[in-house]
């Protein structure tokens, strides 16, 4: 399928998970590029902080992405409000859970699946009819580097992000021949609050770390800032890319998953051990 260039700048954009992290950075970048932005999140305080940082027309909606009816109502609200046609819908809201499969709490896993996958499905189903009606626009769904490879202690997160990837790739093929497209985003480690806002019962690695310590460890290994991620997403969507990898770690994971589909974790552990030895010298 040939690349279909898409213009977002100056047109309406819809962003969930906009109270912080990549969602906030996307809202700020697109607003700065002349986009009226409709922003949504369950975190009203953070959402209002995002709104205060934007330059142009903004529609704010406190929204639980798990609620399909609320998502449809949000889509109707955006249709009535939007001063320009909708260029892009970014289904970006996400959370994480840290647990082994053996110790998993089913309610925690369901909470994550309902947000990370269910929220993407709800947002896509709510806004897709509008884009199909105008025969223009793009659905941009946030998966993860953990939607490319499976990692220990992240079974719920990986399963949801793999599901986002499969759902979006299927949608992309259904949209062939139309003016609407679908994009999957695979961020690597981005410096956000996702770990601080996670559900952890205990350290899944068995090291006894507190949640704050795990958040600090995560931050120490991130390679990308939210504003950098937003730039990559914006440029990638406008360039017509069907899949967007964010950060050198995402590119490495993608390559390892292709070259060593059953042994990538062994290779990652060797790389980690080598780096630790170098640091210790």
C-alpha atoms as a PDB file:
ATOM      1  CA  UNK A   1       0.000   0.000   0.000  1.00  0.00           C
ATOM      2  CA  UNK A   2       1.480   3.351  -1.015  1.00  0.00           C
ATOM      3  CA  UNK A   3       1.914   6.065   1.572  1.00  0.00           C
ATOM      4  CA  UNK A   4      -0.950   8.538   1.776  1.00  0.00           C
ATOM      5  CA  UNK A   5       0.264  11.908   3.001  1.00  0.00           C
ATOM      6  CA  UNK A   6      -2.036  13.492   5.556  1.00  0.00           C
ATOM      7  CA  UNK A   7      -2.307  17.107   6.656  1.00  0.00           C
ATOM      8  CA  UNK A   8      -3.057  17.526  10.353  1.00  0.00           C
ATOM      9  CA  UNK A   9      -1.689  21.008  10.987  1.00  0.00           C
ATOM     10  CA  UNK A  10      -4.459  23.604  10.986  1.00  0.00           C
ATOM     11  CA  UNK A  11      -7.226  21.000  11.255  1.00  0.00           C
ATOM     12  CA  UNK A  12      -9.125  19.518  14.205  1.00  0.00           C
ATOM     13  CA  UNK A  13      -7.435  16.835  16.295  1.00  0.00           C
ATOM     14  CA  UNK A  14      -8.943  14.654  19.028  1.00  0.00           C
ATOM     15  CA  UNK A  15      -6.676  13.334  21.794  1.00  0.00           C
ATOM     16  CA  UNK A  16      -7.472  11.043  24.714  1.00  0.00           C
ATOM     17  CA  UNK A  17      -5.113  10.644  27.639  1.00  0.00           C
ATOM     18  CA  UNK A  18      -4.351  14.354  27.260  1.00  0.00           C
ATOM     19  CA  UNK A  19      -3.921  15.202  30.958  1.00  0.00           C
ATOM     20  CA  UNK A  20      -0.212  14.320  30.925  1.00  0.00           C
ATOM     21  CA  UNK A  21       2.604  12.596  29.081  1.00  0.00           C
ATOM     22  CA  UNK A  22       2.435  11.989  25.354  1.00  0.00           C
ATOM     23  CA  UNK A  23      -1.214  13.093  25.169  1.00  0.00           C
ATOM     24  CA  UNK A  24      -0.467  16.495  26.688  1.00  0.00           C
ATOM     25  CA  UNK A  25       2.615  16.930  24.491  1.00  0.00           C
ATOM     26  CA  UNK A  26       0.572  16.066  21.389  1.00  0.00           C
ATOM     27  CA  UNK A  27      -2.100  18.589  22.342  1.00  0.00           C
ATOM     28  CA  UNK A  28       0.527  21.285  22.869  1.00  0.00           C
ATOM     29  CA  UNK A  29       2.330  20.556  19.620  1.00  0.00           C
ATOM     30  CA  UNK A  30      -0.781  20.345  17.465  1.00  0.00           C
ATOM     31  CA  UNK A  31      -2.291  23.453  19.038  1.00  0.00           C
ATOM     32  CA  UNK A  32       0.944  25.282  18.256  1.00  0.00           C
ATOM     33  CA  UNK A  33       0.556  24.115  14.645  1.00  0.00           C
ATOM     34  CA  UNK A  34      -2.879  25.705  14.328  1.00  0.00           C
ATOM     35  CA  UNK A  35      -5.056  22.732  15.260  1.00  0.00           C
ATOM     36  CA  UNK A  36      -8.262  23.155  17.221  1.00  0.00           C
ATOM     37  CA  UNK A  37      -7.880  20.308  19.730  1.00  0.00           C
ATOM     38  CA  UNK A  38     -10.518  18.280  21.554  1.00  0.00           C
ATOM     39  CA  UNK A  39      -8.827  16.819  24.613  1.00  0.00           C
ATOM     40  CA  UNK A  40     -10.164  14.145  26.937  1.00  0.00           C
ATOM     41  CA  UNK A  41      -9.011  12.364  30.077  1.00  0.00           C
ATOM     42  CA  UNK A  42     -10.460  11.025  33.304  1.00  0.00           C
ATOM     43  CA  UNK A  43      -8.044  13.292  35.233  1.00  0.00           C
ATOM     44  CA  UNK A  44      -9.902  16.616  35.285  1.00  0.00           C
ATOM     45  CA  UNK A  45      -7.150  18.535  37.099  1.00  0.00           C
ATOM     46  CA  UNK A  46      -4.448  17.445  34.674  1.00  0.00           C
ATOM     47  CA  UNK A  47      -6.744  18.064  31.725  1.00  0.00           C
ATOM     48  CA  UNK A  48      -7.362  21.642  32.825  1.00  0.00           C
ATOM     49  CA  UNK A  49      -3.609  22.149  33.174  1.00  0.00           C
ATOM     50  CA  UNK A  50      -3.199  20.948  29.602  1.00  0.00           C
ATOM     51  CA  UNK A  51      -5.976  23.254  28.430  1.00  0.00           C
ATOM     52  CA  UNK A  52      -4.279  26.236  30.096  1.00  0.00           C
ATOM     53  CA  UNK A  53      -1.084  25.514  28.146  1.00  0.00           C
ATOM     54  CA  UNK A  54      -2.727  25.546  24.700  1.00  0.00           C
ATOM     55  CA  UNK A  55      -2.798  28.448  22.291  1.00  0.00           C
ATOM     56  CA  UNK A  56      -5.882  27.958  20.175  1.00  0.00           C
ATOM     57  CA  UNK A  57      -9.464  26.645  20.252  1.00  0.00           C
ATOM     58  CA  UNK A  58      -9.891  23.809  22.739  1.00  0.00           C
ATOM     59  CA  UNK A  59     -12.718  21.504  23.725  1.00  0.00           C
ATOM     60  CA  UNK A  60     -12.244  19.824  27.102  1.00  0.00           C
ATOM     61  CA  UNK A  61     -14.070  16.640  28.062  1.00  0.00           C
ATOM     62  CA  UNK A  62     -13.616  14.662  31.284  1.00  0.00           C
ATOM     63  CA  UNK A  63     -13.952  11.142  29.927  1.00  0.00           C
ATOM     64  CA  UNK A  64     -13.580   7.548  31.020  1.00  0.00           C
ATOM     65  CA  UNK A  65     -12.512   5.828  27.798  1.00  0.00           C
ATOM     66  CA  UNK A  66     -13.969   2.556  29.076  1.00  0.00           C
ATOM     67  CA  UNK A  67     -17.464   4.004  28.643  1.00  0.00           C
ATOM     68  CA  UNK A  68     -18.527   3.354  25.033  1.00  0.00           C
ATOM     69  CA  UNK A  69     -21.654   5.525  25.313  1.00  0.00           C
ATOM     70  CA  UNK A  70     -19.609   8.427  26.686  1.00  0.00           C
ATOM     71  CA  UNK A  71     -17.168   8.060  23.805  1.00  0.00           C
ATOM     72  CA  UNK A  72     -20.020   8.251  21.291  1.00  0.00           C
ATOM     73  CA  UNK A  73     -21.381  11.310  23.065  1.00  0.00           C
ATOM     74  CA  UNK A  74     -17.899  12.876  22.928  1.00  0.00           C
ATOM     75  CA  UNK A  75     -17.764  12.232  19.180  1.00  0.00           C
ATOM     76  CA  UNK A  76     -21.124  13.982  18.731  1.00  0.00           C
ATOM     77  CA  UNK A  77     -19.866  16.867  20.855  1.00  0.00           C
ATOM     78  CA  UNK A  78     -16.735  17.193  18.720  1.00  0.00           C
ATOM     79  CA  UNK A  79     -18.787  17.052  15.505  1.00  0.00           C
ATOM     80  CA  UNK A  80     -20.868  20.021  16.676  1.00  0.00           C
ATOM     81  CA  UNK A  81     -17.900  21.972  18.029  1.00  0.00           C
ATOM     82  CA  UNK A  82     -15.167  21.397  15.463  1.00  0.00           C
ATOM     83  CA  UNK A  83     -14.399  24.580  13.503  1.00  0.00           C
ATOM     84  CA  UNK A  84     -12.478  22.462  10.952  1.00  0.00           C
ATOM     85  CA  UNK A  85     -12.932  18.895   9.672  1.00  0.00           C
ATOM     86  CA  UNK A  86     -11.453  16.236  11.946  1.00  0.00           C
ATOM     87  CA  UNK A  87      -7.990  15.382  10.696  1.00  0.00           C
ATOM     88  CA  UNK A  88      -6.929  12.860  13.318  1.00  0.00           C
ATOM     89  CA  UNK A  89      -8.186  10.958  16.339  1.00  0.00           C
ATOM     90  CA  UNK A  90      -5.431   9.910  18.767  1.00  0.00           C
ATOM     91  CA  UNK A  91      -6.599   7.055  21.007  1.00  0.00           C
ATOM     92  CA  UNK A  92      -3.774   7.496  23.454  1.00  0.00           C
ATOM     93  CA  UNK A  93      -5.075   6.899  27.001  1.00  0.00           C
ATOM     94  CA  UNK A  94      -3.222   4.129  28.820  1.00  0.00           C
ATOM     95  CA  UNK A  95      -2.260   2.631  32.186  1.00  0.00           C
ATOM     96  CA  UNK A  96      -0.043  -0.206  33.355  1.00  0.00           C
ATOM     97  CA  UNK A  97      -0.006  -3.047  35.853  1.00  0.00           C
ATOM     98  CA  UNK A  98       3.101  -4.789  37.144  1.00  0.00           C
ATOM     99  CA  UNK A  99       2.639  -8.442  38.054  1.00  0.00           C
ATOM    100  CA  UNK A 100       3.692 -11.933  37.144  1.00  0.00           C
ATOM    101  CA  UNK A 101       1.014 -14.172  35.688  1.00  0.00           C
ATOM    102  CA  UNK A 102       1.226 -16.329  38.815  1.00  0.00           C
ATOM    103  CA  UNK A 103       0.520 -13.371  41.132  1.00  0.00           C
ATOM    104  CA  UNK A 104      -1.898 -11.499  38.880  1.00  0.00           C
ATOM    105  CA  UNK A 105      -4.991  -9.913  40.389  1.00  0.00           C
ATOM    106  CA  UNK A 106      -7.768 -10.424  37.807  1.00  0.00           C
ATOM    107  CA  UNK A 107      -9.443  -7.110  38.660  1.00  0.00           C
ATOM    108  CA  UNK A 108      -6.202  -5.228  37.976  1.00  0.00           C
ATOM    109  CA  UNK A 109      -5.697  -6.929  34.635  1.00  0.00           C
ATOM    110  CA  UNK A 110      -9.306  -6.232  33.622  1.00  0.00           C
ATOM    111  CA  UNK A 111      -8.918  -2.564  34.574  1.00  0.00           C
ATOM    112  CA  UNK A 112      -5.917  -2.323  32.275  1.00  0.00           C
ATOM    113  CA  UNK A 113      -7.520  -4.192  29.371  1.00  0.00           C
ATOM    114  CA  UNK A 114     -10.657  -2.075  29.577  1.00  0.00           C
ATOM    115  CA  UNK A 115      -8.606   1.120  29.279  1.00  0.00           C
ATOM    116  CA  UNK A 116      -5.689   0.160  27.036  1.00  0.00           C
ATOM    117  CA  UNK A 117      -7.608  -1.960  24.544  1.00  0.00           C
ATOM    118  CA  UNK A 118     -11.278  -1.290  25.255  1.00  0.00           C
ATOM    119  CA  UNK A 119     -10.662   2.461  25.255  1.00  0.00           C
ATOM    120  CA  UNK A 120      -8.990   2.257  21.848  1.00  0.00           C
ATOM    121  CA  UNK A 121     -11.845   0.190  20.433  1.00  0.00           C
ATOM    122  CA  UNK A 122     -14.458   2.536  21.905  1.00  0.00           C
ATOM    123  CA  UNK A 123     -12.708   5.619  20.563  1.00  0.00           C
ATOM    124  CA  UNK A 124     -12.261   4.095  17.126  1.00  0.00           C
ATOM    125  CA  UNK A 125     -15.898   3.006  16.888  1.00  0.00           C
ATOM    126  CA  UNK A 126     -17.133   6.393  18.097  1.00  0.00           C
ATOM    127  CA  UNK A 127     -15.136   8.548  15.665  1.00  0.00           C
ATOM    128  CA  UNK A 128     -14.684   6.279  12.638  1.00  0.00           C
ATOM    129  CA  UNK A 129     -18.184   6.992  11.230  1.00  0.00           C
ATOM    130  CA  UNK A 130     -17.384  10.716  11.199  1.00  0.00           C
ATOM    131  CA  UNK A 131     -14.141  10.160   9.304  1.00  0.00           C
ATOM    132  CA  UNK A 132     -15.765   7.737   6.852  1.00  0.00           C
ATOM    133  CA  UNK A 133     -18.579  10.234   6.256  1.00  0.00           C
ATOM    134  CA  UNK A 134     -16.089  12.947   5.322  1.00  0.00           C
ATOM    135  CA  UNK A 135     -13.867  10.337   3.550  1.00  0.00           C
ATOM    136  CA  UNK A 136     -10.821  11.877   5.160  1.00  0.00           C
ATOM    137  CA  UNK A 137      -8.769  11.610   8.332  1.00  0.00           C
ATOM    138  CA  UNK A 138      -6.733   9.142  10.346  1.00  0.00           C
ATOM    139  CA  UNK A 139      -7.212   6.986  13.420  1.00  0.00           C
ATOM    140  CA  UNK A 140      -3.968   6.898  15.434  1.00  0.00           C
ATOM    141  CA  UNK A 141      -3.876   4.176  18.093  1.00  0.00           C
ATOM    142  CA  UNK A 142      -1.134   3.966  20.709  1.00  0.00           C
ATOM    143  CA  UNK A 143       0.304   0.500  21.163  1.00  0.00           C
ATOM    144  CA  UNK A 144       3.788   0.154  22.670  1.00  0.00           C
ATOM    145  CA  UNK A 145       7.192  -1.394  22.210  1.00  0.00           C
ATOM    146  CA  UNK A 146       5.570  -4.074  24.388  1.00  0.00           C
ATOM    147  CA  UNK A 147       3.126  -4.597  21.557  1.00  0.00           C
ATOM    148  CA  UNK A 148       6.105  -5.906  19.577  1.00  0.00           C
ATOM    149  CA  UNK A 149       7.661  -8.258  22.151  1.00  0.00           C
ATOM    150  CA  UNK A 150       6.494  -9.861  25.383  1.00  0.00           C
ATOM    151  CA  UNK A 151       8.225  -8.989  28.646  1.00  0.00           C
ATOM    152  CA  UNK A 152       8.132 -10.640  32.089  1.00  0.00           C
ATOM    153  CA  UNK A 153       5.953  -8.934  34.673  1.00  0.00           C
ATOM    154  CA  UNK A 154       3.961  -7.205  31.926  1.00  0.00           C
ATOM    155  CA  UNK A 155       1.538  -9.879  30.703  1.00  0.00           C
ATOM    156  CA  UNK A 156      -1.571  -7.690  30.994  1.00  0.00           C
ATOM    157  CA  UNK A 157       0.091  -4.675  29.395  1.00  0.00           C
ATOM    158  CA  UNK A 158       1.674  -6.681  26.581  1.00  0.00           C
ATOM    159  CA  UNK A 159      -1.543  -8.538  25.797  1.00  0.00           C
ATOM    160  CA  UNK A 160      -3.496  -5.269  25.555  1.00  0.00           C
ATOM    161  CA  UNK A 161      -0.873  -3.575  23.420  1.00  0.00           C
ATOM    162  CA  UNK A 162      -0.565  -6.591  21.115  1.00  0.00           C
ATOM    163  CA  UNK A 163      -4.368  -6.415  20.793  1.00  0.00           C
ATOM    164  CA  UNK A 164      -4.202  -2.712  19.856  1.00  0.00           C
ATOM    165  CA  UNK A 165      -1.663  -3.591  17.194  1.00  0.00           C
ATOM    166  CA  UNK A 166      -3.808  -6.375  15.712  1.00  0.00           C
ATOM    167  CA  UNK A 167      -7.011  -4.338  15.864  1.00  0.00           C
ATOM    168  CA  UNK A 168      -5.417  -1.353  14.137  1.00  0.00           C
ATOM    169  CA  UNK A 169      -3.707  -3.408  11.457  1.00  0.00           C
ATOM    170  CA  UNK A 170      -7.007  -5.110  10.652  1.00  0.00           C
ATOM    171  CA  UNK A 171      -8.741  -1.726  10.504  1.00  0.00           C
ATOM    172  CA  UNK A 172      -6.035  -0.433   8.180  1.00  0.00           C
ATOM    173  CA  UNK A 173      -6.794  -3.154   5.651  1.00  0.00           C
ATOM    174  CA  UNK A 174     -10.555  -2.538   5.908  1.00  0.00           C
ATOM    175  CA  UNK A 175      -9.960   1.105   5.021  1.00  0.00           C
ATOM    176  CA  UNK A 176      -8.072   0.368   1.808  1.00  0.00           C
ATOM    177  CA  UNK A 177      -9.421   2.458  -1.043  1.00  0.00           C
ATOM    178  CA  UNK A 178     -10.949   5.095   1.210  1.00  0.00           C
ATOM    179  CA  UNK A 179      -9.686   8.492   2.302  1.00  0.00           C
ATOM    180  CA  UNK A 180      -9.380   7.277   5.899  1.00  0.00           C
ATOM    181  CA  UNK A 181      -6.317   5.521   7.299  1.00  0.00           C
ATOM    182  CA  UNK A 182      -5.171   3.856  10.524  1.00  0.00           C
ATOM    183  CA  UNK A 183      -1.808   4.190  12.233  1.00  0.00           C
ATOM    184  CA  UNK A 184      -0.215   2.207  15.042  1.00  0.00           C
ATOM    185  CA  UNK A 185       2.231   3.997  17.370  1.00  0.00           C
ATOM    186  CA  UNK A 186       4.848   1.991  19.268  1.00  0.00           C
ATOM    187  CA  UNK A 187       6.586   4.166  21.886  1.00  0.00           C
ATOM    188  CA  UNK A 188       9.668   2.877  23.638  1.00  0.00           C
ATOM    189  CA  UNK A 189      10.529   4.272  27.049  1.00  0.00           C
ATOM    190  CA  UNK A 190       9.017   7.753  27.287  1.00  0.00           C
ATOM    191  CA  UNK A 191       9.448   9.841  30.427  1.00  0.00           C
ATOM    192  CA  UNK A 192       5.840   9.918  31.694  1.00  0.00           C
ATOM    193  CA  UNK A 193       4.001   9.177  34.943  1.00  0.00           C
ATOM    194  CA  UNK A 194       2.607   5.842  33.753  1.00  0.00           C
ATOM    195  CA  UNK A 195       4.532   3.828  36.361  1.00  0.00           C
ATOM    196  CA  UNK A 196       3.649   6.201  39.207  1.00  0.00           C
ATOM    197  CA  UNK A 197      -0.018   5.838  38.274  1.00  0.00           C
ATOM    198  CA  UNK A 198       0.174   2.067  37.844  1.00  0.00           C
ATOM    199  CA  UNK A 199      -1.351  -0.695  39.942  1.00  0.00           C
ATOM    200  CA  UNK A 200       1.373  -2.651  41.744  1.00  0.00           C
ATOM    201  CA  UNK A 201       0.782  -5.108  44.573  1.00  0.00           C
ATOM    202  CA  UNK A 202       4.457  -5.988  44.865  1.00  0.00           C
ATOM    203  CA  UNK A 203       7.644  -5.758  42.852  1.00  0.00           C
ATOM    204  CA  UNK A 204       7.145  -8.196  39.927  1.00  0.00           C
ATOM    205  CA  UNK A 205      10.934  -8.656  39.727  1.00  0.00           C
ATOM    206  CA  UNK A 206      11.052  -9.857  43.324  1.00  0.00           C
ATOM    207  CA  UNK A 207      13.509  -7.162  44.417  1.00  0.00           C
ATOM    208  CA  UNK A 208      11.226  -5.571  46.983  1.00  0.00           C
ATOM    209  CA  UNK A 209      11.179  -2.125  45.364  1.00  0.00           C
ATOM    210  CA  UNK A 210       8.479   0.360  46.261  1.00  0.00           C
ATOM    211  CA  UNK A 211       6.339   1.809  43.478  1.00  0.00           C
ATOM    212  CA  UNK A 212       8.271   5.080  43.690  1.00  0.00           C
ATOM    213  CA  UNK A 213      11.555   3.204  43.334  1.00  0.00           C
ATOM    214  CA  UNK A 214      10.193   1.367  40.295  1.00  0.00           C
ATOM    215  CA  UNK A 215       9.070   4.704  38.838  1.00  0.00           C
ATOM    216  CA  UNK A 216      12.566   6.103  39.354  1.00  0.00           C
ATOM    217  CA  UNK A 217      14.124   3.037  37.712  1.00  0.00           C
ATOM    218  CA  UNK A 218      11.766   3.431  34.760  1.00  0.00           C
ATOM    219  CA  UNK A 219      12.596   7.133  34.397  1.00  0.00           C
ATOM    220  CA  UNK A 220      16.320   6.365  34.491  1.00  0.00           C
ATOM    221  CA  UNK A 221      15.985   4.056  31.488  1.00  0.00           C
ATOM    222  CA  UNK A 222      13.689   6.178  29.319  1.00  0.00           C
ATOM    223  CA  UNK A 223      15.214   7.478  26.116  1.00  0.00           C
ATOM    224  CA  UNK A 224      12.559   9.903  24.906  1.00  0.00           C
ATOM    225  CA  UNK A 225      10.786  12.974  26.290  1.00  0.00           C
ATOM    226  CA  UNK A 226       7.047  13.432  25.656  1.00  0.00           C
ATOM    227  CA  UNK A 227       7.591  16.441  23.385  1.00  0.00           C
ATOM    228  CA  UNK A 228      10.042  14.410  21.300  1.00  0.00           C
ATOM    229  CA  UNK A 229       7.499  11.598  21.041  1.00  0.00           C
ATOM    230  CA  UNK A 230       4.800  14.072  19.976  1.00  0.00           C
ATOM    231  CA  UNK A 231       7.037  15.413  17.215  1.00  0.00           C
ATOM    232  CA  UNK A 232       7.774  11.908  15.899  1.00  0.00           C
ATOM    233  CA  UNK A 233       4.059  11.039  15.919  1.00  0.00           C
ATOM    234  CA  UNK A 234       3.021  14.288  14.225  1.00  0.00           C
ATOM    235  CA  UNK A 235       5.651  14.002  11.514  1.00  0.00           C
ATOM    236  CA  UNK A 236       5.062  10.292  11.040  1.00  0.00           C
ATOM    237  CA  UNK A 237       1.312  10.625  10.605  1.00  0.00           C
ATOM    238  CA  UNK A 238       1.671  13.495   8.155  1.00  0.00           C
ATOM    239  CA  UNK A 239       4.247  11.459   6.199  1.00  0.00           C
ATOM    240  CA  UNK A 240       1.669   8.707   5.778  1.00  0.00           C
ATOM    241  CA  UNK A 241       3.417   6.053   7.868  1.00  0.00           C
ATOM    242  CA  UNK A 242       1.277   3.115   8.914  1.00  0.00           C
ATOM    243  CA  UNK A 243       3.480   2.262  11.887  1.00  0.00           C
ATOM    244  CA  UNK A 244       5.497   4.701  13.968  1.00  0.00           C
ATOM    245  CA  UNK A 245       8.350   3.603  16.240  1.00  0.00           C
ATOM    246  CA  UNK A 246       9.376   6.102  18.913  1.00  0.00           C
ATOM    247  CA  UNK A 247      12.903   6.049  20.296  1.00  0.00           C
ATOM    248  CA  UNK A 248      16.036   3.972  19.662  1.00  0.00           C
ATOM    249  CA  UNK A 249      14.808   1.342  22.115  1.00  0.00           C
ATOM    250  CA  UNK A 250      11.652   0.823  20.063  1.00  0.00           C
ATOM    251  CA  UNK A 251      13.718   0.343  16.921  1.00  0.00           C
ATOM    252  CA  UNK A 252      15.960  -2.140  18.739  1.00  0.00           C
ATOM    253  CA  UNK A 253      13.018  -4.129  20.118  1.00  0.00           C
ATOM    254  CA  UNK A 254      11.397  -4.204  16.685  1.00  0.00           C
ATOM    255  CA  UNK A 255      14.591  -5.540  15.123  1.00  0.00           C
ATOM    256  CA  UNK A 256      15.137  -8.164  17.828  1.00  0.00           C
ATOM    257  CA  UNK A 257      11.541  -9.316  17.567  1.00  0.00           C
ATOM    258  CA  UNK A 258      12.017  -9.863  13.854  1.00  0.00           C
ATOM    259  CA  UNK A 259      15.467 -11.492  13.961  1.00  0.00           C
ATOM    260  CA  UNK A 260      15.100 -13.563  17.145  1.00  0.00           C
ATOM    261  CA  UNK A 261      11.361 -14.014  17.745  1.00  0.00           C
ATOM    262  CA  UNK A 262      11.842 -16.616  20.513  1.00  0.00           C
ATOM    263  CA  UNK A 263      15.207 -15.476  21.919  1.00  0.00           C
ATOM    264  CA  UNK A 264      15.004 -11.672  22.063  1.00  0.00           C
ATOM    265  CA  UNK A 265      14.827 -11.616  25.865  1.00  0.00           C
ATOM    266  CA  UNK A 266      18.036 -13.661  26.168  1.00  0.00           C
ATOM    267  CA  UNK A 267      19.762 -11.133  23.926  1.00  0.00           C
ATOM    268  CA  UNK A 268      18.361  -8.204  25.911  1.00  0.00           C
ATOM    269  CA  UNK A 269      19.671  -9.681  29.168  1.00  0.00           C
ATOM    270  CA  UNK A 270      23.123 -10.097  27.634  1.00  0.00           C
ATOM    271  CA  UNK A 271      23.104  -6.488  26.470  1.00  0.00           C
ATOM    272  CA  UNK A 272      22.021  -5.385  29.962  1.00  0.00           C
ATOM    273  CA  UNK A 273      24.794  -7.428  31.625  1.00  0.00           C
ATOM    274  CA  UNK A 274      27.375  -5.957  29.249  1.00  0.00           C
ATOM    275  CA  UNK A 275      26.232  -2.408  30.004  1.00  0.00           C
ATOM    276  CA  UNK A 276      26.357  -3.083  33.748  1.00  0.00           C
ATOM    277  CA  UNK A 277      29.925  -4.377  33.481  1.00  0.00           C
ATOM    278  CA  UNK A 278      30.970  -1.296  31.538  1.00  0.00           C
ATOM    279  CA  UNK A 279      29.350   0.997  34.086  1.00  0.00           C
ATOM    280  CA  UNK A 280      31.088  -0.797  36.941  1.00  0.00           C
ATOM    281  CA  UNK A 281      34.549  -0.238  35.455  1.00  0.00           C
END
